[in-house]
N, C-alpha and C. Protein backbone atom coordinates (compact mmCIF):
# COMPACT_ATOMS: atom_id res chain seq x y z
N UNK A 1 168.09 32.28 141.47
CA UNK A 1 167.49 30.98 141.70
C UNK A 1 167.17 30.78 143.18
N UNK A 2 168.04 31.29 144.05
CA UNK A 2 167.81 31.15 145.48
C UNK A 2 166.63 31.99 145.93
N UNK A 3 166.41 33.11 145.27
CA UNK A 3 165.27 33.96 145.61
C UNK A 3 163.96 33.23 145.31
N UNK A 4 163.92 32.53 144.20
CA UNK A 4 162.71 31.77 143.83
C UNK A 4 162.48 30.66 144.85
N UNK A 5 163.55 29.95 145.25
CA UNK A 5 163.41 28.89 146.26
C UNK A 5 162.94 29.48 147.59
N UNK A 6 163.43 30.63 147.94
CA UNK A 6 163.00 31.27 149.18
C UNK A 6 161.52 31.64 149.12
N UNK A 7 161.07 32.18 148.00
CA UNK A 7 159.66 32.52 147.85
C UNK A 7 158.77 31.27 147.89
N UNK A 8 159.28 30.19 147.30
CA UNK A 8 158.51 28.95 147.32
C UNK A 8 158.32 28.45 148.74
N UNK A 9 159.29 28.69 149.61
CA UNK A 9 159.19 28.24 151.00
C UNK A 9 158.47 29.23 151.90
N UNK A 10 158.50 30.52 151.56
CA UNK A 10 157.88 31.53 152.42
C UNK A 10 156.35 31.44 152.35
N UNK A 11 155.80 31.20 151.19
CA UNK A 11 154.34 31.17 151.04
C UNK A 11 153.71 30.04 151.86
N UNK A 12 154.18 28.78 151.78
CA UNK A 12 153.59 27.76 152.65
C UNK A 12 153.89 28.00 154.13
N UNK A 13 155.03 28.60 154.42
CA UNK A 13 155.33 28.95 155.81
C UNK A 13 154.35 29.96 156.35
N UNK A 14 154.00 30.94 155.53
CA UNK A 14 153.01 31.93 155.93
C UNK A 14 151.64 31.29 156.13
N UNK A 15 151.27 30.35 155.25
CA UNK A 15 150.00 29.64 155.41
C UNK A 15 149.97 28.84 156.71
N UNK A 16 151.10 28.25 157.08
CA UNK A 16 151.17 27.51 158.35
C UNK A 16 150.97 28.44 159.54
N UNK A 17 151.56 29.61 159.46
CA UNK A 17 151.40 30.59 160.55
C UNK A 17 149.94 31.02 160.66
N UNK A 18 149.29 31.25 159.53
CA UNK A 18 147.87 31.61 159.55
C UNK A 18 147.04 30.47 160.14
N UNK A 19 147.40 29.23 159.81
CA UNK A 19 146.69 28.08 160.36
C UNK A 19 146.83 28.00 161.88
N UNK A 20 148.03 28.24 162.39
CA UNK A 20 148.24 28.24 163.84
C UNK A 20 147.43 29.35 164.49
N UNK A 21 147.39 30.52 163.86
CA UNK A 21 146.63 31.63 164.40
C UNK A 21 145.13 31.32 164.45
N UNK A 22 144.62 30.71 163.39
CA UNK A 22 143.20 30.35 163.38
C UNK A 22 142.87 29.33 164.47
N UNK A 23 143.73 28.35 164.67
CA UNK A 23 143.48 27.36 165.72
C UNK A 23 143.57 28.01 167.10
N UNK A 24 144.53 28.90 167.30
CA UNK A 24 144.65 29.59 168.58
C UNK A 24 143.43 30.46 168.85
N UNK A 25 142.97 31.18 167.85
CA UNK A 25 141.78 32.02 168.01
C UNK A 25 140.55 31.18 168.31
N UNK A 26 140.48 29.98 167.78
CA UNK A 26 139.36 29.10 168.08
C UNK A 26 139.36 28.71 169.55
N UNK A 27 140.54 28.42 170.09
CA UNK A 27 140.62 28.06 171.50
C UNK A 27 140.18 29.21 172.42
N UNK A 28 140.43 30.46 171.99
CA UNK A 28 139.99 31.62 172.76
C UNK A 28 138.62 32.12 172.32
N UNK A 29 137.94 31.35 171.48
CA UNK A 29 136.60 31.64 170.97
C UNK A 29 136.50 32.99 170.27
N UNK A 30 137.47 33.26 169.42
CA UNK A 30 137.45 34.45 168.56
C UNK A 30 137.14 33.96 167.15
N UNK A 31 136.01 34.38 166.62
CA UNK A 31 135.58 33.88 165.32
C UNK A 31 135.86 34.93 164.24
N UNK A 32 136.38 34.48 163.11
CA UNK A 32 136.69 35.36 161.99
C UNK A 32 135.59 35.24 160.93
N UNK A 33 135.35 36.30 160.16
CA UNK A 33 134.21 36.36 159.24
C UNK A 33 134.04 35.25 158.20
N UNK A 34 135.08 34.73 157.55
CA UNK A 34 134.76 33.73 156.52
C UNK A 34 134.27 32.39 157.06
N UNK A 35 134.35 32.18 158.36
CA UNK A 35 133.96 30.89 158.95
C UNK A 35 132.66 31.06 159.74
N UNK A 36 131.63 30.27 159.42
CA UNK A 36 130.36 30.40 160.13
C UNK A 36 130.35 29.74 161.51
N UNK A 37 131.28 28.82 161.77
CA UNK A 37 131.32 28.12 163.05
C UNK A 37 132.77 27.96 163.51
N UNK A 38 132.95 27.84 164.81
CA UNK A 38 134.30 27.72 165.36
C UNK A 38 134.98 26.42 164.95
N UNK A 39 134.21 25.34 164.85
CA UNK A 39 134.84 24.08 164.47
C UNK A 39 135.33 24.12 163.02
N UNK A 40 134.64 24.88 162.17
CA UNK A 40 135.11 25.03 160.79
C UNK A 40 136.40 25.85 160.75
N UNK A 41 136.47 26.85 161.61
CA UNK A 41 137.68 27.67 161.68
C UNK A 41 138.87 26.83 162.15
N UNK A 42 138.65 25.99 163.16
CA UNK A 42 139.73 25.13 163.65
C UNK A 42 140.16 24.13 162.57
N UNK A 43 139.19 23.55 161.87
CA UNK A 43 139.51 22.59 160.82
C UNK A 43 140.28 23.26 159.69
N UNK A 44 139.87 24.47 159.30
CA UNK A 44 140.58 25.20 158.25
C UNK A 44 142.00 25.54 158.68
N UNK A 45 142.17 25.95 159.91
CA UNK A 45 143.51 26.24 160.42
C UNK A 45 144.39 25.00 160.47
N UNK A 46 143.79 23.88 160.88
CA UNK A 46 144.55 22.63 160.92
C UNK A 46 144.98 22.20 159.52
N UNK A 47 144.09 22.34 158.55
CA UNK A 47 144.43 21.97 157.18
C UNK A 47 145.53 22.87 156.61
N UNK A 48 145.46 24.17 156.92
CA UNK A 48 146.53 25.07 156.47
C UNK A 48 147.87 24.70 157.09
N UNK A 49 147.85 24.37 158.37
CA UNK A 49 149.08 23.98 159.05
C UNK A 49 149.66 22.71 158.46
N UNK A 50 148.83 21.71 158.25
CA UNK A 50 149.31 20.44 157.69
C UNK A 50 149.83 20.63 156.27
N UNK A 51 149.12 21.41 155.46
CA UNK A 51 149.57 21.66 154.09
C UNK A 51 150.93 22.36 154.08
N UNK A 52 151.10 23.36 154.92
CA UNK A 52 152.36 24.09 154.96
C UNK A 52 153.53 23.21 155.36
N UNK A 53 153.35 22.42 156.41
CA UNK A 53 154.42 21.53 156.85
C UNK A 53 154.71 20.47 155.80
N UNK A 54 153.64 19.92 155.20
CA UNK A 54 153.82 18.90 154.17
C UNK A 54 154.60 19.44 152.97
N UNK A 55 154.28 20.65 152.54
CA UNK A 55 154.94 21.23 151.38
C UNK A 55 156.41 21.51 151.67
N UNK A 56 156.71 22.10 152.82
CA UNK A 56 158.10 22.41 153.17
C UNK A 56 158.91 21.14 153.32
N UNK A 57 158.35 20.12 153.97
CA UNK A 57 159.07 18.86 154.13
C UNK A 57 159.33 18.19 152.78
N UNK A 58 158.35 18.22 151.90
CA UNK A 58 158.53 17.65 150.57
C UNK A 58 159.57 18.39 149.76
N UNK A 59 159.60 19.71 149.89
CA UNK A 59 160.58 20.52 149.17
C UNK A 59 161.99 20.19 149.65
N UNK A 60 162.18 20.10 150.96
CA UNK A 60 163.50 19.79 151.51
C UNK A 60 163.93 18.38 151.13
N UNK A 61 163.01 17.41 151.19
CA UNK A 61 163.33 16.05 150.80
C UNK A 61 163.71 15.97 149.32
N UNK A 62 162.97 16.67 148.47
CA UNK A 62 163.29 16.67 147.03
C UNK A 62 164.67 17.28 146.78
N UNK A 63 164.97 18.37 147.47
CA UNK A 63 166.26 19.04 147.29
C UNK A 63 167.40 18.16 147.76
N UNK A 64 167.22 17.47 148.90
CA UNK A 64 168.27 16.59 149.40
C UNK A 64 168.51 15.41 148.48
N UNK A 65 167.45 14.83 147.95
CA UNK A 65 167.62 13.72 147.01
C UNK A 65 168.29 14.19 145.72
N UNK A 66 167.96 15.40 145.28
CA UNK A 66 168.54 15.94 144.06
C UNK A 66 170.04 16.18 144.25
N UNK A 67 170.44 16.63 145.44
CA UNK A 67 171.85 16.90 145.72
C UNK A 67 172.58 15.68 146.26
N UNK A 68 171.94 14.52 146.20
CA UNK A 68 172.53 13.25 146.61
C UNK A 68 172.99 13.29 148.07
N UNK A 69 172.13 13.77 148.94
CA UNK A 69 172.40 13.78 150.38
C UNK A 69 171.40 12.86 151.06
N UNK A 70 171.76 11.59 151.22
CA UNK A 70 170.80 10.64 151.80
C UNK A 70 170.58 10.92 153.29
N UNK A 71 169.46 10.44 153.77
CA UNK A 71 169.13 10.61 155.18
C UNK A 71 169.93 9.67 156.06
N UNK A 72 169.68 9.73 157.34
CA UNK A 72 170.42 8.91 158.31
C UNK A 72 170.15 7.43 158.08
N UNK A 73 168.93 7.07 157.76
CA UNK A 73 168.59 5.65 157.57
C UNK A 73 169.24 5.06 156.33
N UNK A 74 169.58 5.86 155.36
CA UNK A 74 170.12 5.34 154.10
C UNK A 74 171.64 5.30 154.06
N UNK A 75 172.28 5.82 155.07
CA UNK A 75 173.74 5.82 155.08
C UNK A 75 174.23 4.43 155.43
N UNK A 76 175.34 4.04 154.81
CA UNK A 76 175.95 2.75 155.07
C UNK A 76 177.00 2.96 156.16
N UNK A 77 176.87 2.20 157.24
CA UNK A 77 177.83 2.30 158.33
C UNK A 77 179.10 1.55 157.98
N UNK A 78 180.22 2.21 158.16
CA UNK A 78 181.49 1.54 157.88
C UNK A 78 181.98 0.86 159.15
N UNK A 79 182.67 -0.26 158.97
CA UNK A 79 183.14 -1.05 160.12
C UNK A 79 184.51 -0.62 160.55
């Protein structure tokens, strides 16, 4: 079960890394074949980065709620 969870997190993490690479290559004006313009390459990289971070954050939030581990804002402070 942990292997499946790891694979679920590795794929969006890899997409985020590819997104960062595409944005970095755009800043150095290195264009890759599937993109006809540099601004499209930067936009695609940004979308990959946002999707990867969004998916990983949602997965961690879902797991914490499932295991009944509330965040800092939801904890009740004792006097």
